[in-house]
């Protein structure tokens, strides 16, 4: 069974740009456009890892991270953001994220 990767990001371009490389590498790709959709996908799909955007309309990524950790404390979550700072990354890791990656990827 392929590992399941969930990407939660409000940017459709980011969601689509991640699909092909992950599927090509053999991962099962799941995407959500909002934190609420992502939390529902976690409960429904049981992903192996979550990539979570910080800045989203409605519930932001840091609030979503807290809710995700309440559901499954052991689920690895990597925070992603184009607007992140070192302090935001540090806050995310204090809240349980395993890493912080800046967008755009590969830049």
PDB file of N, CA and C in Angstrom:
ATOM      1  N   UNK A   1       0.842  -1.184   0.000  1.00  0.00           N
ATOM      2  CA  UNK A   1       0.000   0.000   0.000  1.00  0.00           C
ATOM      3  C   UNK A   1       0.886   1.245   0.000  1.00  0.00           C
ATOM      4  N   UNK A   2       0.558   2.182  -0.855  1.00  0.00           N
ATOM      5  CA  UNK A   2       1.338   3.418  -0.969  1.00  0.00           C
ATOM      6  C   UNK A   2       1.081   4.312   0.233  1.00  0.00           C
ATOM      7  N   UNK A   3       2.110   5.048   0.634  1.00  0.00           N
ATOM      8  CA  UNK A   3       1.952   6.041   1.698  1.00  0.00           C
ATOM      9  C   UNK A   3       1.024   7.143   1.211  1.00  0.00           C
ATOM     10  N   UNK A   4       0.200   7.643   2.120  1.00  0.00           N
ATOM     11  CA  UNK A   4      -0.764   8.688   1.789  1.00  0.00           C
ATOM     12  C   UNK A   4      -0.239  10.041   2.255  1.00  0.00           C
ATOM     13  N   UNK A   5      -0.219  10.996   1.323  1.00  0.00           N
ATOM     14  CA  UNK A   5       0.227  12.354   1.605  1.00  0.00           C
ATOM     15  C   UNK A   5      -0.961  13.288   1.440  1.00  0.00           C
ATOM     16  N   UNK A   6      -1.249  14.054   2.483  1.00  0.00           N
ATOM     17  CA  UNK A   6      -2.319  15.044   2.438  1.00  0.00           C
ATOM     18  C   UNK A   6      -1.704  16.434   2.379  1.00  0.00           C
ATOM     19  N   UNK A   7      -2.107  17.211   1.374  1.00  0.00           N
ATOM     20  CA  UNK A   7      -1.695  18.608   1.262  1.00  0.00           C
ATOM     21  C   UNK A   7      -2.921  19.485   1.524  1.00  0.00           C
ATOM     22  N   UNK A   8      -2.805  20.356   2.522  1.00  0.00           N
ATOM     23  CA  UNK A   8      -3.878  21.311   2.832  1.00  0.00           C
ATOM     24  C   UNK A   8      -3.353  22.697   2.479  1.00  0.00           C
ATOM     25  N   UNK A   9      -3.908  23.266   1.403  1.00  0.00           N
ATOM     26  CA  UNK A   9      -3.451  24.575   0.926  1.00  0.00           C
ATOM     27  C   UNK A   9      -4.575  25.219   0.140  1.00  0.00           C
ATOM     28  N   UNK A  10      -4.848  26.494   0.399  1.00  0.00           N
ATOM     29  CA  UNK A  10      -5.923  27.191  -0.305  1.00  0.00           C
ATOM     30  C   UNK A  10      -5.553  27.563  -1.736  1.00  0.00           C
ATOM     31  N   UNK A  11      -4.296  27.464  -2.108  1.00  0.00           N
ATOM     32  CA  UNK A  11      -3.827  27.824  -3.456  1.00  0.00           C
ATOM     33  C   UNK A  11      -3.942  26.608  -4.377  1.00  0.00           C
ATOM     34  N   UNK A  12      -4.868  26.678  -5.338  1.00  0.00           N
ATOM     35  CA  UNK A  12      -5.093  25.564  -6.261  1.00  0.00           C
ATOM     36  C   UNK A  12      -3.833  25.243  -7.064  1.00  0.00           C
ATOM     37  N   UNK A  13      -3.050  26.254  -7.400  1.00  0.00           N
ATOM     38  CA  UNK A  13      -1.813  26.029  -8.152  1.00  0.00           C
ATOM     39  C   UNK A  13      -0.816  25.193  -7.370  1.00  0.00           C
ATOM     40  N   UNK A  14      -0.692  25.459  -6.074  1.00  0.00           N
ATOM     41  CA  UNK A  14       0.206  24.670  -5.220  1.00  0.00           C
ATOM     42  C   UNK A  14      -0.309  23.235  -5.126  1.00  0.00           C
ATOM     43  N   UNK A  15      -1.628  23.084  -4.923  1.00  0.00           N
ATOM     44  CA  UNK A  15      -2.189  21.734  -4.824  1.00  0.00           C
ATOM     45  C   UNK A  15      -1.912  20.936  -6.092  1.00  0.00           C
ATOM     46  N   UNK A  16      -2.107  21.551  -7.239  1.00  0.00           N
ATOM     47  CA  UNK A  16      -1.877  20.830  -8.503  1.00  0.00           C
ATOM     48  C   UNK A  16      -0.390  20.597  -8.771  1.00  0.00           C
ATOM     49  N   UNK A  17       0.467  21.551  -8.409  1.00  0.00           N
ATOM     50  CA  UNK A  17       1.899  21.381  -8.678  1.00  0.00           C
ATOM     51  C   UNK A  17       2.505  20.253  -7.851  1.00  0.00           C
ATOM     52  N   UNK A  18       1.890  19.931  -6.733  1.00  0.00           N
ATOM     53  CA  UNK A  18       2.401  18.844  -5.878  1.00  0.00           C
ATOM     54  C   UNK A  18       1.870  17.475  -6.299  1.00  0.00           C
ATOM     55  N   UNK A  19       0.742  17.442  -6.991  1.00  0.00           N
ATOM     56  CA  UNK A  19       0.116  16.169  -7.362  1.00  0.00           C
ATOM     57  C   UNK A  19       1.046  15.280  -8.195  1.00  0.00           C
ATOM     58  N   UNK A  20       1.521  15.789  -9.308  1.00  0.00           N
ATOM     59  CA  UNK A  20       2.275  14.959 -10.240  1.00  0.00           C
ATOM     60  C   UNK A  20       3.556  14.375  -9.635  1.00  0.00           C
ATOM     61  N   UNK A  21       4.416  15.178  -9.006  1.00  0.00           N
ATOM     62  CA  UNK A  21       5.640  14.581  -8.477  1.00  0.00           C
ATOM     63  C   UNK A  21       5.373  13.550  -7.375  1.00  0.00           C
ATOM     64  N   UNK A  22       4.376  13.786  -6.542  1.00  0.00           N
ATOM     65  CA  UNK A  22       4.080  12.823  -5.484  1.00  0.00           C
ATOM     66  C   UNK A  22       3.507  11.530  -6.057  1.00  0.00           C
ATOM     67  N   UNK A  23       2.575  11.646  -6.986  1.00  0.00           N
ATOM     68  CA  UNK A  23       2.017  10.443  -7.600  1.00  0.00           C
ATOM     69  C   UNK A  23       3.079   9.705  -8.413  1.00  0.00           C
ATOM     70  N   UNK A  24       3.941  10.434  -9.094  1.00  0.00           N
ATOM     71  CA  UNK A  24       5.026   9.820  -9.864  1.00  0.00           C
ATOM     72  C   UNK A  24       5.949   8.993  -8.957  1.00  0.00           C
ATOM     73  N   UNK A  25       6.178   9.487  -7.748  1.00  0.00           N
ATOM     74  CA  UNK A  25       7.037   8.777  -6.792  1.00  0.00           C
ATOM     75  C   UNK A  25       6.304   7.654  -6.063  1.00  0.00           C
ATOM     76  N   UNK A  26       5.031   7.454  -6.392  1.00  0.00           N
ATOM     77  CA  UNK A  26       4.293   6.323  -5.844  1.00  0.00           C
ATOM     78  C   UNK A  26       3.459   6.611  -4.609  1.00  0.00           C
ATOM     79  N   UNK A  27       3.311   7.880  -4.248  1.00  0.00           N
ATOM     80  CA  UNK A  27       2.490   8.228  -3.096  1.00  0.00           C
ATOM     81  C   UNK A  27       1.034   8.364  -3.505  1.00  0.00           C
ATOM     82  N   UNK A  28       0.136   8.073  -2.582  1.00  0.00           N
ATOM     83  CA  UNK A  28      -1.271   8.369  -2.781  1.00  0.00           C
ATOM     84  C   UNK A  28      -1.470   9.818  -2.354  1.00  0.00           C
ATOM     85  N   UNK A  29      -1.947  10.649  -3.260  1.00  0.00           N
ATOM     86  CA  UNK A  29      -2.052  12.094  -3.026  1.00  0.00           C
ATOM     87  C   UNK A  29      -3.488  12.464  -2.687  1.00  0.00           C
ATOM     88  N   UNK A  30      -3.642  13.204  -1.600  1.00  0.00           N
ATOM     89  CA  UNK A  30      -4.937  13.709  -1.168  1.00  0.00           C
ATOM     90  C   UNK A  30      -4.767  15.220  -0.994  1.00  0.00           C
ATOM     91  N   UNK A  31      -5.729  15.998  -1.466  1.00  0.00           N
ATOM     92  CA  UNK A  31      -5.626  17.456  -1.349  1.00  0.00           C
ATOM     93  C   UNK A  31      -6.888  18.023  -0.727  1.00  0.00           C
ATOM     94  N   UNK A  32      -6.709  19.113   0.005  1.00  0.00           N
ATOM     95  CA  UNK A  32      -7.826  19.844   0.601  1.00  0.00           C
ATOM     96  C   UNK A  32      -7.556  21.331   0.452  1.00  0.00           C
ATOM     97  N   UNK A  33      -8.619  22.101   0.175  1.00  0.00           N
ATOM     98  CA  UNK A  33      -8.487  23.542  -0.062  1.00  0.00           C
ATOM     99  C   UNK A  33      -8.654  24.376   1.200  1.00  0.00           C
ATOM    100  N   UNK A  34      -9.175  23.779   2.261  1.00  0.00           N
ATOM    101  CA  UNK A  34      -9.357  24.514   3.512  1.00  0.00           C
ATOM    102  C   UNK A  34      -8.915  23.635   4.678  1.00  0.00           C
ATOM    103  N   UNK A  35      -8.671  24.271   5.803  1.00  0.00           N
ATOM    104  CA  UNK A  35      -8.295  23.518   7.000  1.00  0.00           C
ATOM    105  C   UNK A  35      -9.421  22.577   7.406  1.00  0.00           C
ATOM    106  N   UNK A  36     -10.652  23.044   7.308  1.00  0.00           N
ATOM    107  CA  UNK A  36     -11.794  22.202   7.670  1.00  0.00           C
ATOM    108  C   UNK A  36     -11.870  20.964   6.785  1.00  0.00           C
ATOM    109  N   UNK A  37     -11.678  21.130   5.465  1.00  0.00           N
ATOM    110  CA  UNK A  37     -11.671  19.993   4.542  1.00  0.00           C
ATOM    111  C   UNK A  37     -10.521  19.043   4.887  1.00  0.00           C
ATOM    112  N   UNK A  38      -9.381  19.615   5.227  1.00  0.00           N
ATOM    113  CA  UNK A  38      -8.214  18.803   5.563  1.00  0.00           C
ATOM    114  C   UNK A  38      -8.422  17.973   6.812  1.00  0.00           C
ATOM    115  N   UNK A  39      -9.024  18.575   7.831  1.00  0.00           N
ATOM    116  CA  UNK A  39      -9.292  17.846   9.072  1.00  0.00           C
ATOM    117  C   UNK A  39     -10.273  16.707   8.801  1.00  0.00           C
ATOM    118  N   UNK A  40     -11.289  16.949   7.979  1.00  0.00           N
ATOM    119  CA  UNK A  40     -12.225  15.887   7.605  1.00  0.00           C
ATOM    120  C   UNK A  40     -11.499  14.785   6.834  1.00  0.00           C
ATOM    121  N   UNK A  41     -10.565  15.167   5.953  1.00  0.00           N
ATOM    122  CA  UNK A  41      -9.807  14.175   5.180  1.00  0.00           C
ATOM    123  C   UNK A  41      -8.918  13.328   6.094  1.00  0.00           C
ATOM    124  N   UNK A  42      -8.375  13.928   7.138  1.00  0.00           N
ATOM    125  CA  UNK A  42      -7.553  13.171   8.089  1.00  0.00           C
ATOM    126  C   UNK A  42      -8.395  12.088   8.750  1.00  0.00           C
ATOM    127  N   UNK A  43      -9.585  12.440   9.151  1.00  0.00           N
ATOM    128  CA  UNK A  43     -10.459  11.476   9.809  1.00  0.00           C
ATOM    129  C   UNK A  43     -10.943  10.398   8.844  1.00  0.00           C
ATOM    130  N   UNK A  44     -11.125  10.745   7.579  1.00  0.00           N
ATOM    131  CA  UNK A  44     -11.655   9.830   6.575  1.00  0.00           C
ATOM    132  C   UNK A  44     -10.567   8.991   5.906  1.00  0.00           C
ATOM    133  N   UNK A  45      -9.405   9.600   5.616  1.00  0.00           N
ATOM    134  CA  UNK A  45      -8.388   8.978   4.768  1.00  0.00           C
ATOM    135  C   UNK A  45      -7.176   8.431   5.520  1.00  0.00           C
ATOM    136  N   UNK A  46      -6.977   8.825   6.762  1.00  0.00           N
ATOM    137  CA  UNK A  46      -5.820   8.391   7.563  1.00  0.00           C
ATOM    138  C   UNK A  46      -4.489   8.559   6.816  1.00  0.00           C
ATOM    139  N   UNK A  47      -4.113   9.799   6.495  1.00  0.00           N
ATOM    140  CA  UNK A  47      -2.841  10.013   5.783  1.00  0.00           C
ATOM    141  C   UNK A  47      -1.645   9.658   6.665  1.00  0.00           C
ATOM    142  N   UNK A  48      -0.503   9.428   6.006  1.00  0.00           N
ATOM    143  CA  UNK A  48       0.739   9.124   6.715  1.00  0.00           C
ATOM    144  C   UNK A  48       1.517  10.389   7.070  1.00  0.00           C
ATOM    145  N   UNK A  49       1.265  11.478   6.334  1.00  0.00           N
ATOM    146  CA  UNK A  49       1.909  12.767   6.589  1.00  0.00           C
ATOM    147  C   UNK A  49       1.009  13.869   6.033  1.00  0.00           C
ATOM    148  N   UNK A  50       1.091  15.048   6.646  1.00  0.00           N
ATOM    149  CA  UNK A  50       0.298  16.199   6.209  1.00  0.00           C
ATOM    150  C   UNK A  50       1.244  17.366   5.944  1.00  0.00           C
ATOM    151  N   UNK A  51       1.053  18.017   4.804  1.00  0.00           N
ATOM    152  CA  UNK A  51       1.699  19.289   4.504  1.00  0.00           C
ATOM    153  C   UNK A  51       0.612  20.342   4.650  1.00  0.00           C
ATOM    154  N   UNK A  52       0.833  21.319   5.520  1.00  0.00           N
ATOM    155  CA  UNK A  52      -0.213  22.250   5.937  1.00  0.00           C
ATOM    156  C   UNK A  52       0.236  23.694   5.755  1.00  0.00           C
ATOM    157  N   UNK A  53      -0.514  24.433   4.923  1.00  0.00           N
ATOM    158  CA  UNK A  53      -0.234  25.858   4.724  1.00  0.00           C
ATOM    159  C   UNK A  53      -0.586  26.634   5.991  1.00  0.00           C
ATOM    160  N   UNK A  54       0.148  27.677   6.256  1.00  0.00           N
ATOM    161  CA  UNK A  54      -0.114  28.480   7.451  1.00  0.00           C
ATOM    162  C   UNK A  54      -1.191  29.530   7.191  1.00  0.00           C
ATOM    163  N   UNK A  55      -1.057  30.293   6.109  1.00  0.00           N
ATOM    164  CA  UNK A  55      -1.988  31.389   5.825  1.00  0.00           C
ATOM    165  C   UNK A  55      -3.108  30.889   4.921  1.00  0.00           C
ATOM    166  N   UNK A  56      -4.308  30.757   5.497  1.00  0.00           N
ATOM    167  CA  UNK A  56      -5.492  30.352   4.733  1.00  0.00           C
ATOM    168  C   UNK A  56      -6.681  31.138   5.270  1.00  0.00           C
ATOM    169  N   UNK A  57      -7.665  31.390   4.409  1.00  0.00           N
ATOM    170  CA  UNK A  57      -8.877  32.041   4.897  1.00  0.00           C
ATOM    171  C   UNK A  57      -9.611  31.130   5.885  1.00  0.00           C
ATOM    172  N   UNK A  58     -10.331  31.713   6.800  1.00  0.00           N
ATOM    173  CA  UNK A  58     -11.015  30.905   7.802  1.00  0.00           C
ATOM    174  C   UNK A  58     -10.009  30.431   8.833  1.00  0.00           C
ATOM    175  N   UNK A  59     -10.020  29.152   9.108  1.00  0.00           N
ATOM    176  CA  UNK A  59      -9.085  28.585  10.078  1.00  0.00           C
ATOM    177  C   UNK A  59      -7.677  28.588   9.483  1.00  0.00           C
ATOM    178  N   UNK A  60      -6.711  29.194  10.194  1.00  0.00           N
ATOM    179  CA  UNK A  60      -5.336  29.206   9.676  1.00  0.00           C
ATOM    180  C   UNK A  60      -4.626  27.892  10.027  1.00  0.00           C
ATOM    181  N   UNK A  61      -3.443  27.734   9.494  1.00  0.00           N
ATOM    182  CA  UNK A  61      -2.701  26.500   9.669  1.00  0.00           C
ATOM    183  C   UNK A  61      -2.292  26.206  11.097  1.00  0.00           C
ATOM    184  N   UNK A  62      -1.967  27.231  11.872  1.00  0.00           N
ATOM    185  CA  UNK A  62      -1.567  26.984  13.260  1.00  0.00           C
ATOM    186  C   UNK A  62      -2.733  26.476  14.094  1.00  0.00           C
ATOM    187  N   UNK A  63      -3.916  27.030  13.870  1.00  0.00           N
ATOM    188  CA  UNK A  63      -5.106  26.531  14.562  1.00  0.00           C
ATOM    189  C   UNK A  63      -5.417  25.100  14.097  1.00  0.00           C
ATOM    190  N   UNK A  64      -5.298  24.876  12.787  1.00  0.00           N
ATOM    191  CA  UNK A  64      -5.537  23.531  12.249  1.00  0.00           C
ATOM    192  C   UNK A  64      -4.538  22.530  12.817  1.00  0.00           C
ATOM    193  N   UNK A  65      -3.288  22.950  12.973  1.00  0.00           N
ATOM    194  CA  UNK A  65      -2.265  22.068  13.541  1.00  0.00           C
ATOM    195  C   UNK A  65      -2.686  21.593  14.930  1.00  0.00           C
ATOM    196  N   UNK A  66      -3.193  22.496  15.753  1.00  0.00           N
ATOM    197  CA  UNK A  66      -3.645  22.126  17.093  1.00  0.00           C
ATOM    198  C   UNK A  66      -4.782  21.113  17.034  1.00  0.00           C
ATOM    199  N   UNK A  67      -5.713  21.306  16.108  1.00  0.00           N
ATOM    200  CA  UNK A  67      -6.840  20.374  15.961  1.00  0.00           C
ATOM    201  C   UNK A  67      -6.364  19.018  15.436  1.00  0.00           C
ATOM    202  N   UNK A  68      -5.413  19.039  14.502  1.00  0.00           N
ATOM    203  CA  UNK A  68      -4.875  17.790  13.960  1.00  0.00           C
ATOM    204  C   UNK A  68      -4.176  17.004  15.057  1.00  0.00           C
ATOM    205  N   UNK A  69      -3.370  17.676  15.860  1.00  0.00           N
ATOM    206  CA  UNK A  69      -2.646  17.000  16.943  1.00  0.00           C
ATOM    207  C   UNK A  69      -3.602  16.458  18.002  1.00  0.00           C
ATOM    208  N   UNK A  70      -4.769  17.100  18.176  1.00  0.00           N
ATOM    209  CA  UNK A  70      -5.776  16.583  19.108  1.00  0.00           C
ATOM    210  C   UNK A  70      -6.397  15.293  18.573  1.00  0.00           C
ATOM    211  N   UNK A  71      -6.483  15.179  17.243  1.00  0.00           N
ATOM    212  CA  UNK A  71      -7.027  13.971  16.619  1.00  0.00           C
ATOM    213  C   UNK A  71      -6.006  12.846  16.656  1.00  0.00           C
ATOM    214  N   UNK A  72      -4.759  13.162  16.254  1.00  0.00           N
ATOM    215  CA  UNK A  72      -3.697  12.139  16.182  1.00  0.00           C
ATOM    216  C   UNK A  72      -2.360  12.815  16.479  1.00  0.00           C
ATOM    217  N   UNK A  73      -1.935  12.703  17.703  1.00  0.00           N
ATOM    218  CA  UNK A  73      -0.696  13.360  18.141  1.00  0.00           C
ATOM    219  C   UNK A  73       0.529  12.865  17.381  1.00  0.00           C
ATOM    220  N   UNK A  74       0.493  11.628  16.895  1.00  0.00           N
ATOM    221  CA  UNK A  74       1.669  11.054  16.225  1.00  0.00           C
ATOM    222  C   UNK A  74       1.728  11.347  14.724  1.00  0.00           C
ATOM    223  N   UNK A  75       0.681  11.944  14.149  1.00  0.00           N
ATOM    224  CA  UNK A  75       0.660  12.233  12.711  1.00  0.00           C
ATOM    225  C   UNK A  75       1.676  13.325  12.386  1.00  0.00           C
ATOM    226  N   UNK A  76       2.658  13.036  11.514  1.00  0.00           N
ATOM    227  CA  UNK A  76       3.640  14.067  11.157  1.00  0.00           C
ATOM    228  C   UNK A  76       2.997  15.178  10.311  1.00  0.00           C
ATOM    229  N   UNK A  77       3.258  16.425  10.723  1.00  0.00           N
ATOM    230  CA  UNK A  77       2.739  17.584  10.005  1.00  0.00           C
ATOM    231  C   UNK A  77       3.910  18.503   9.683  1.00  0.00           C
ATOM    232  N   UNK A  78       4.026  18.857   8.402  1.00  0.00           N
ATOM    233  CA  UNK A  78       5.035  19.802   7.932  1.00  0.00           C
ATOM    234  C   UNK A  78       4.296  21.075   7.546  1.00  0.00           C
ATOM    235  N   UNK A  79       4.677  22.188   8.150  1.00  0.00           N
ATOM    236  CA  UNK A  79       4.057  23.471   7.846  1.00  0.00           C
ATOM    237  C   UNK A  79       4.729  24.070   6.602  1.00  0.00           C
ATOM    238  N   UNK A  80       3.913  24.697   5.745  1.00  0.00           N
ATOM    239  CA  UNK A  80       4.435  25.352   4.542  1.00  0.00           C
ATOM    240  C   UNK A  80       3.852  26.760   4.461  1.00  0.00           C
ATOM    241  N   UNK A  81       4.657  27.712   3.974  1.00  0.00           N
ATOM    242  CA  UNK A  81       4.155  29.072   3.842  1.00  0.00           C
ATOM    243  C   UNK A  81       5.063  29.925   2.982  1.00  0.00           C
ATOM    244  N   UNK A  82       4.449  30.819   2.239  1.00  0.00           N
ATOM    245  CA  UNK A  82       5.192  31.827   1.489  1.00  0.00           C
ATOM    246  C   UNK A  82       5.396  33.070   2.347  1.00  0.00           C
ATOM    247  N   UNK A  83       4.714  33.122   3.483  1.00  0.00           N
ATOM    248  CA  UNK A  83       4.742  34.312   4.335  1.00  0.00           C
ATOM    249  C   UNK A  83       5.343  34.013   5.699  1.00  0.00           C
ATOM    250  N   UNK A  84       6.008  32.900   5.820  1.00  0.00           N
ATOM    251  CA  UNK A  84       6.515  32.483   7.119  1.00  0.00           C
ATOM    252  C   UNK A  84       7.780  33.204   7.529  1.00  0.00           C
ATOM    253  N   UNK A  85       8.001  33.221   8.814  1.00  0.00           N
ATOM    254  CA  UNK A  85       9.219  33.775   9.380  1.00  0.00           C
ATOM    255  C   UNK A  85       9.799  32.714  10.311  1.00  0.00           C
ATOM    256  N   UNK A  86      11.000  32.957  10.772  1.00  0.00           N
ATOM    257  CA  UNK A  86      11.628  32.016  11.701  1.00  0.00           C
ATOM    258  C   UNK A  86      10.782  31.858  12.958  1.00  0.00           C
ATOM    259  N   UNK A  87      10.180  32.935  13.431  1.00  0.00           N
ATOM    260  CA  UNK A  87       9.372  32.835  14.650  1.00  0.00           C
ATOM    261  C   UNK A  87       8.101  32.022  14.413  1.00  0.00           C
ATOM    262  N   UNK A  88       7.506  32.147  13.231  1.00  0.00           N
ATOM    263  CA  UNK A  88       6.324  31.343  12.906  1.00  0.00           C
ATOM    264  C   UNK A  88       6.714  29.870  12.824  1.00  0.00           C
ATOM    265  N   UNK A  89       7.846  29.590  12.188  1.00  0.00           N
ATOM    266  CA  UNK A  89       8.332  28.218  12.104  1.00  0.00           C
ATOM    267  C   UNK A  89       8.615  27.635  13.480  1.00  0.00           C
ATOM    268  N   UNK A  90       9.202  28.429  14.347  1.00  0.00           N
ATOM    269  CA  UNK A  90       9.488  27.970  15.714  1.00  0.00           C
ATOM    270  C   UNK A  90       8.194  27.716  16.470  1.00  0.00           C
ATOM    271  N   UNK A  91       7.212  28.589  16.298  1.00  0.00           N
ATOM    272  CA  UNK A  91       5.918  28.400  16.952  1.00  0.00           C
ATOM    273  C   UNK A  91       5.257  27.112  16.460  1.00  0.00           C
ATOM    274  N   UNK A  92       5.332  26.873  15.164  1.00  0.00           N
ATOM    275  CA  UNK A  92       4.735  25.662  14.598  1.00  0.00           C
ATOM    276  C   UNK A  92       5.397  24.403  15.160  1.00  0.00           C
ATOM    277  N   UNK A  93       6.705  24.404  15.289  1.00  0.00           N
ATOM    278  CA  UNK A  93       7.373  23.221  15.833  1.00  0.00           C
ATOM    279  C   UNK A  93       7.063  23.050  17.318  1.00  0.00           C
ATOM    280  N   UNK A  94       6.919  24.134  18.045  1.00  0.00           N
ATOM    281  CA  UNK A  94       6.497  24.025  19.449  1.00  0.00           C
ATOM    282  C   UNK A  94       5.111  23.402  19.559  1.00  0.00           C
ATOM    283  N   UNK A  95       4.274  23.658  18.572  1.00  0.00           N
ATOM    284  CA  UNK A  95       2.907  23.117  18.578  1.00  0.00           C
ATOM    285  C   UNK A  95       2.840  21.692  18.036  1.00  0.00           C
ATOM    286  N   UNK A  96       3.965  21.157  17.574  1.00  0.00           N
ATOM    287  CA  UNK A  96       3.972  19.762  17.139  1.00  0.00           C
ATOM    288  C   UNK A  96       4.327  19.495  15.692  1.00  0.00           C
ATOM    289  N   UNK A  97       4.555  20.540  14.886  1.00  0.00           N
ATOM    290  CA  UNK A  97       4.974  20.318  13.499  1.00  0.00           C
ATOM    291  C   UNK A  97       6.392  19.741  13.493  1.00  0.00           C
ATOM    292  N   UNK A  98       6.668  18.868  12.516  1.00  0.00           N
ATOM    293  CA  UNK A  98       8.005  18.285  12.461  1.00  0.00           C
ATOM    294  C   UNK A  98       8.981  19.142  11.666  1.00  0.00           C
ATOM    295  N   UNK A  99       8.456  20.058  10.834  1.00  0.00           N
ATOM    296  CA  UNK A  99       9.332  20.919  10.039  1.00  0.00           C
ATOM    297  C   UNK A  99       8.521  22.074   9.474  1.00  0.00           C
ATOM    298  N   UNK A 100       9.246  23.029   8.880  1.00  0.00           N
ATOM    299  CA  UNK A 100       8.660  24.208   8.259  1.00  0.00           C
ATOM    300  C   UNK A 100       9.369  24.424   6.932  1.00  0.00           C
ATOM    301  N   UNK A 101       8.615  24.510   5.836  1.00  0.00           N
ATOM    302  CA  UNK A 101       9.176  24.702   4.498  1.00  0.00           C
ATOM    303  C   UNK A 101       8.586  25.977   3.896  1.00  0.00           C
ATOM    304  N   UNK A 102       9.465  26.788   3.301  1.00  0.00           N
ATOM    305  CA  UNK A 102       9.002  28.012   2.646  1.00  0.00           C
ATOM    306  C   UNK A 102       8.608  27.742   1.212  1.00  0.00           C
ATOM    307  N   UNK A 103       7.516  28.405   0.765  1.00  0.00           N
ATOM    308  CA  UNK A 103       7.112  28.365  -0.635  1.00  0.00           C
ATOM    309  C   UNK A 103       7.689  29.608  -1.297  1.00  0.00           C
ATOM    310  N   UNK A 104       7.949  29.619  -2.575  1.00  0.00           N
ATOM    311  CA  UNK A 104       7.753  28.503  -3.490  1.00  0.00           C
ATOM    312  C   UNK A 104       8.819  27.435  -3.294  1.00  0.00           C
ATOM    313  N   UNK A 105       8.419  26.217  -3.556  1.00  0.00           N
ATOM    314  CA  UNK A 105       9.334  25.090  -3.391  1.00  0.00           C
ATOM    315  C   UNK A 105      10.424  25.136  -4.452  1.00  0.00           C
ATOM    316  N   UNK A 106      11.615  24.787  -4.060  1.00  0.00           N
ATOM    317  CA  UNK A 106      12.729  24.711  -5.011  1.00  0.00           C
ATOM    318  C   UNK A 106      13.271  26.052  -5.457  1.00  0.00           C
ATOM    319  N   UNK A 107      12.850  27.132  -4.844  1.00  0.00           N
ATOM    320  CA  UNK A 107      13.337  28.457  -5.255  1.00  0.00           C
ATOM    321  C   UNK A 107      14.618  28.803  -4.536  1.00  0.00           C
TER     322      UNK A 107
END
